[in-house]
């Protein structure tokens, strides 16, 4: 075992506690003490002490089985995080429109350092789909990652509508594909990325063309509603 938190700077005990919370990402949400220790590289005795503190503040809950899951305090913080953007009333209707038109899952990502965070999502009713949850943190890869990187400095000048569309196939997961476009706000500041994703088998050339039109149109309209400068925002193609 390695008691090194893997992080430099800060307070070691805090870093280790945050490692424990990070261990729950991309899981079913329930982990045993052994699984937490293996995921963090910490001794079980260290994990137990930290879990006791996290449980006391509501960040972790211990189940009757002896396993652990995330506590309600994190849900409260997630709600505060989403509300701080004041975007839900604008974004959710757009995601619902995208899903209704293309029958694939729609997601709104925001950039957080070297990663992207799923802030809002509407699932397709189709049984076979990618599985992303609100709050998931993913690498800056795929279509939405490309959009967030390309326009990290915002929309500084007028651009062609086609320059707003980004696609990917098999970059985040070998069986999945996506189409995304950046969304801007006041002054052309980058707000996030509108993304449609699903199995590569459904993202044929014809489907990608249709999905791109929908994503482009909705991203442009959303940008204008969020106050992006009309002089820099192109009109949708098609």
Protein backbone atom coordinates (compact mmCIF):
# COMPACT_ATOMS: atom_id res chain seq x y z
CA UNK A 1 0.00 0.00 0.00
CA UNK A 2 1.08 3.56 -0.63
CA UNK A 3 0.04 6.28 1.79
CA UNK A 4 1.05 9.01 -0.64
CA UNK A 5 -2.11 10.92 -1.52
CA UNK A 6 -0.93 11.39 -5.09
CA UNK A 7 -1.46 15.13 -4.79
CA UNK A 8 1.12 17.81 -4.16
CA UNK A 9 0.51 20.73 -1.84
CA UNK A 10 -2.40 21.28 0.48
CA UNK A 11 -3.16 19.25 3.59
CA UNK A 12 -2.39 15.52 3.39
CA UNK A 13 -5.43 14.44 5.40
CA UNK A 14 -7.75 16.54 3.23
CA UNK A 15 -6.15 15.17 0.06
CA UNK A 16 -6.72 11.63 1.30
CA UNK A 17 -10.34 12.32 2.20
CA UNK A 18 -10.92 13.72 -1.27
CA UNK A 19 -9.27 10.62 -2.78
CA UNK A 20 -11.89 8.54 -1.00
CA UNK A 21 -14.71 10.61 -2.50
CA UNK A 22 -13.06 10.39 -5.93
CA UNK A 23 -12.99 6.59 -5.62
CA UNK A 24 -16.79 6.55 -6.06
CA UNK A 25 -16.66 8.13 -9.51
CA UNK A 26 -17.60 5.80 -12.38
CA UNK A 27 -18.88 3.15 -9.94
CA UNK A 28 -22.28 1.83 -8.90
CA UNK A 29 -22.10 4.17 -5.93
CA UNK A 30 -21.45 1.47 -3.30
CA UNK A 31 -17.94 0.40 -2.28
CA UNK A 32 -16.53 -1.87 0.40
CA UNK A 33 -13.69 -0.85 2.68
CA UNK A 34 -11.37 -3.13 0.71
CA UNK A 35 -12.41 -1.54 -2.61
CA UNK A 36 -11.87 1.97 -1.27
CA UNK A 37 -8.44 1.04 0.06
CA UNK A 38 -7.46 -0.52 -3.27
CA UNK A 39 -8.76 2.45 -5.27
CA UNK A 40 -6.98 5.04 -3.14
CA UNK A 41 -3.80 3.19 -2.23
CA UNK A 42 -4.41 3.95 1.44
CA UNK A 43 -4.20 1.59 4.39
CA UNK A 44 -7.56 0.31 5.64
CA UNK A 45 -6.90 1.85 9.06
CA UNK A 46 -6.37 5.25 7.43
CA UNK A 47 -9.48 4.84 5.28
CA UNK A 48 -11.58 3.95 8.33
CA UNK A 49 -10.52 7.08 10.21
CA UNK A 50 -11.26 9.29 7.22
CA UNK A 51 -14.59 7.58 6.55
CA UNK A 52 -15.63 8.31 10.12
CA UNK A 53 -14.97 12.03 9.59
CA UNK A 54 -16.69 12.08 6.20
CA UNK A 55 -19.70 10.26 7.64
CA UNK A 56 -19.92 12.75 10.49
CA UNK A 57 -20.31 15.60 8.00
CA UNK A 58 -22.77 13.75 5.76
CA UNK A 59 -20.42 13.11 2.82
CA UNK A 60 -20.41 9.32 3.31
CA UNK A 61 -23.01 6.89 4.62
CA UNK A 62 -22.27 3.42 5.99
CA UNK A 63 -24.74 0.72 4.95
CA UNK A 64 -25.94 -2.14 7.15
CA UNK A 65 -23.87 -4.46 4.95
CA UNK A 66 -20.71 -2.66 6.03
CA UNK A 67 -20.18 -1.06 2.63
CA UNK A 68 -20.26 2.67 2.00
CA UNK A 69 -22.03 5.05 -0.36
CA UNK A 70 -22.02 8.80 -0.90
CA UNK A 71 -23.97 10.88 1.58
CA UNK A 72 -26.67 13.52 1.10
CA UNK A 73 -24.32 16.46 1.64
CA UNK A 74 -22.83 15.86 -1.81
CA UNK A 75 -26.28 16.04 -3.40
CA UNK A 76 -26.81 19.38 -1.68
CA UNK A 77 -23.50 20.70 -2.99
CA UNK A 78 -24.26 19.39 -6.49
CA UNK A 79 -27.56 21.29 -6.46
CA UNK A 80 -25.80 24.47 -5.37
CA UNK A 81 -23.20 23.94 -8.10
CA UNK A 82 -25.84 23.58 -10.81
CA UNK A 83 -27.86 26.53 -9.55
CA UNK A 84 -24.75 28.72 -9.52
CA UNK A 85 -24.77 28.56 -13.30
CA UNK A 86 -28.47 29.55 -13.47
CA UNK A 87 -28.70 27.48 -16.63
CA UNK A 88 -31.18 24.73 -15.93
CA UNK A 89 -34.26 26.57 -17.17
CA UNK A 90 -32.43 27.37 -20.42
CA UNK A 91 -30.59 24.12 -21.04
CA UNK A 92 -33.05 21.40 -20.07
CA UNK A 93 -35.68 22.32 -22.71
CA UNK A 94 -32.91 22.28 -25.32
CA UNK A 95 -31.76 18.81 -24.28
CA UNK A 96 -35.34 17.57 -24.39
CA UNK A 97 -35.76 19.00 -27.89
CA UNK A 98 -32.56 17.31 -29.09
CA UNK A 99 -33.61 13.91 -27.72
CA UNK A 100 -37.10 14.24 -29.20
CA UNK A 101 -35.66 14.99 -32.66
CA UNK A 102 -32.74 12.59 -32.92
CA UNK A 103 -33.62 9.88 -30.35
CA UNK A 104 -30.12 9.92 -28.83
CA UNK A 105 -29.00 11.10 -25.39
CA UNK A 106 -28.21 14.79 -25.00
CA UNK A 107 -25.76 16.27 -22.49
CA UNK A 108 -24.53 19.70 -21.50
CA UNK A 109 -20.88 19.77 -20.41
CA UNK A 110 -18.88 22.52 -18.75
CA UNK A 111 -15.09 22.73 -18.57
CA UNK A 112 -13.44 22.28 -15.19
CA UNK A 113 -9.67 22.59 -15.48
CA UNK A 114 -8.39 19.68 -17.53
CA UNK A 115 -11.75 17.90 -17.47
CA UNK A 116 -15.40 18.27 -18.45
CA UNK A 117 -18.34 17.87 -16.11
CA UNK A 118 -21.80 16.63 -17.06
CA UNK A 119 -24.00 19.44 -15.75
CA UNK A 120 -27.32 18.43 -17.34
CA UNK A 121 -28.47 15.36 -19.25
CA UNK A 122 -31.56 13.85 -20.85
CA UNK A 123 -31.46 10.17 -21.73
CA UNK A 124 -32.77 8.62 -24.90
CA UNK A 125 -35.50 6.00 -24.34
CA UNK A 126 -33.47 3.55 -26.42
CA UNK A 127 -32.14 0.60 -24.42
CA UNK A 128 -28.66 0.69 -25.94
CA UNK A 129 -27.00 4.00 -25.08
CA UNK A 130 -23.96 5.46 -23.38
CA UNK A 131 -24.22 5.83 -19.63
CA UNK A 132 -23.30 9.28 -18.31
CA UNK A 133 -24.68 10.73 -15.10
CA UNK A 134 -25.09 14.32 -13.98
CA UNK A 135 -21.95 15.20 -12.06
CA UNK A 136 -19.68 12.76 -13.88
CA UNK A 137 -16.23 14.17 -14.60
CA UNK A 138 -14.59 13.02 -17.82
CA UNK A 139 -11.38 13.84 -19.70
CA UNK A 140 -11.45 16.62 -22.27
CA UNK A 141 -11.86 14.10 -25.08
CA UNK A 142 -14.54 13.36 -27.62
CA UNK A 143 -16.69 15.85 -29.46
CA UNK A 144 -17.58 18.01 -26.46
CA UNK A 145 -13.97 18.00 -25.25
CA UNK A 146 -12.85 19.27 -28.65
CA UNK A 147 -15.48 22.02 -28.58
CA UNK A 148 -14.50 23.14 -25.08
CA UNK A 149 -10.81 23.22 -25.97
CA UNK A 150 -11.25 24.95 -29.33
CA UNK A 151 -13.32 27.78 -27.85
CA UNK A 152 -11.76 27.97 -24.39
CA UNK A 153 -11.16 31.69 -24.95
CA UNK A 154 -14.73 32.26 -26.14
CA UNK A 155 -16.03 33.44 -29.46
CA UNK A 156 -13.68 36.34 -30.14
CA UNK A 157 -14.87 37.04 -33.68
CA UNK A 158 -17.55 35.99 -36.13
CA UNK A 159 -17.22 32.41 -37.30
CA UNK A 160 -18.82 30.04 -39.80
CA UNK A 161 -21.56 27.79 -38.46
CA UNK A 162 -19.73 24.65 -39.57
CA UNK A 163 -16.75 25.62 -37.39
CA UNK A 164 -18.99 25.09 -34.36
CA UNK A 165 -19.55 21.38 -35.03
CA UNK A 166 -17.25 18.72 -33.59
CA UNK A 167 -17.56 14.97 -33.97
CA UNK A 168 -15.92 11.92 -32.47
CA UNK A 169 -16.10 8.15 -32.84
CA UNK A 170 -14.53 5.75 -30.39
CA UNK A 171 -12.44 8.39 -28.62
CA UNK A 172 -13.92 8.18 -25.11
CA UNK A 173 -15.26 4.64 -25.53
CA UNK A 174 -14.55 2.40 -28.53
CA UNK A 175 -18.25 1.73 -29.16
CA UNK A 176 -19.58 5.28 -28.78
CA UNK A 177 -19.79 8.37 -30.96
CA UNK A 178 -20.82 11.98 -30.42
CA UNK A 179 -21.57 15.32 -32.01
CA UNK A 180 -21.12 18.57 -30.09
CA UNK A 181 -21.13 22.34 -30.42
CA UNK A 182 -19.98 25.10 -28.05
CA UNK A 183 -22.48 27.37 -26.30
CA UNK A 184 -21.64 31.00 -25.58
CA UNK A 185 -22.96 33.74 -23.33
CA UNK A 186 -22.56 37.46 -22.80
CA UNK A 187 -19.53 38.85 -24.61
CA UNK A 188 -18.99 35.58 -26.44
CA UNK A 189 -17.75 33.86 -23.27
CA UNK A 190 -17.75 30.07 -23.48
CA UNK A 191 -20.49 28.61 -21.28
CA UNK A 192 -20.29 24.93 -22.16
CA UNK A 193 -20.91 22.39 -24.90
CA UNK A 194 -24.12 20.82 -26.18
CA UNK A 195 -23.53 17.15 -26.94
CA UNK A 196 -25.43 14.25 -28.49
CA UNK A 197 -24.01 10.76 -28.03
CA UNK A 198 -24.78 7.12 -28.65
CA UNK A 199 -23.52 3.86 -30.18
CA UNK A 200 -21.25 4.18 -33.23
CA UNK A 201 -23.49 1.80 -35.12
CA UNK A 202 -26.29 4.39 -35.07
CA UNK A 203 -24.00 7.33 -35.86
CA UNK A 204 -23.80 6.64 -39.58
CA UNK A 205 -22.67 9.38 -41.97
CA UNK A 206 -26.32 10.19 -42.72
CA UNK A 207 -27.26 10.24 -39.03
CA UNK A 208 -24.28 12.43 -38.10
CA UNK A 209 -25.32 14.94 -40.75
CA UNK A 210 -28.83 15.14 -39.30
CA UNK A 211 -27.61 15.24 -35.70
CA UNK A 212 -25.12 17.97 -36.58
CA UNK A 213 -27.89 20.16 -37.97
CA UNK A 214 -29.94 19.78 -34.79
CA UNK A 215 -27.00 20.34 -32.43
CA UNK A 216 -25.78 23.32 -34.43
CA UNK A 217 -29.21 24.95 -34.51
CA UNK A 218 -29.93 24.39 -30.82
CA UNK A 219 -26.46 25.49 -29.68
CA UNK A 220 -26.74 28.72 -31.68
CA UNK A 221 -30.24 29.47 -30.42
CA UNK A 222 -29.23 28.71 -26.84
CA UNK A 223 -26.20 30.99 -27.17
CA UNK A 224 -28.40 33.85 -28.32
CA UNK A 225 -30.82 33.30 -25.44
CA UNK A 226 -27.88 33.39 -23.02
CA UNK A 227 -26.81 36.78 -24.34
CA UNK A 228 -24.10 35.93 -26.87
CA UNK A 229 -23.39 38.80 -29.31
CA UNK A 230 -25.60 38.36 -32.35
CA UNK A 231 -22.93 39.90 -34.60
CA UNK A 232 -20.54 37.01 -33.86
CA UNK A 233 -23.02 34.13 -33.78
CA UNK A 234 -23.62 32.59 -37.24
CA UNK A 235 -26.97 31.50 -38.56
CA UNK A 236 -27.53 27.73 -38.56
CA UNK A 237 -26.95 25.94 -41.86
CA UNK A 238 -29.89 24.20 -43.42
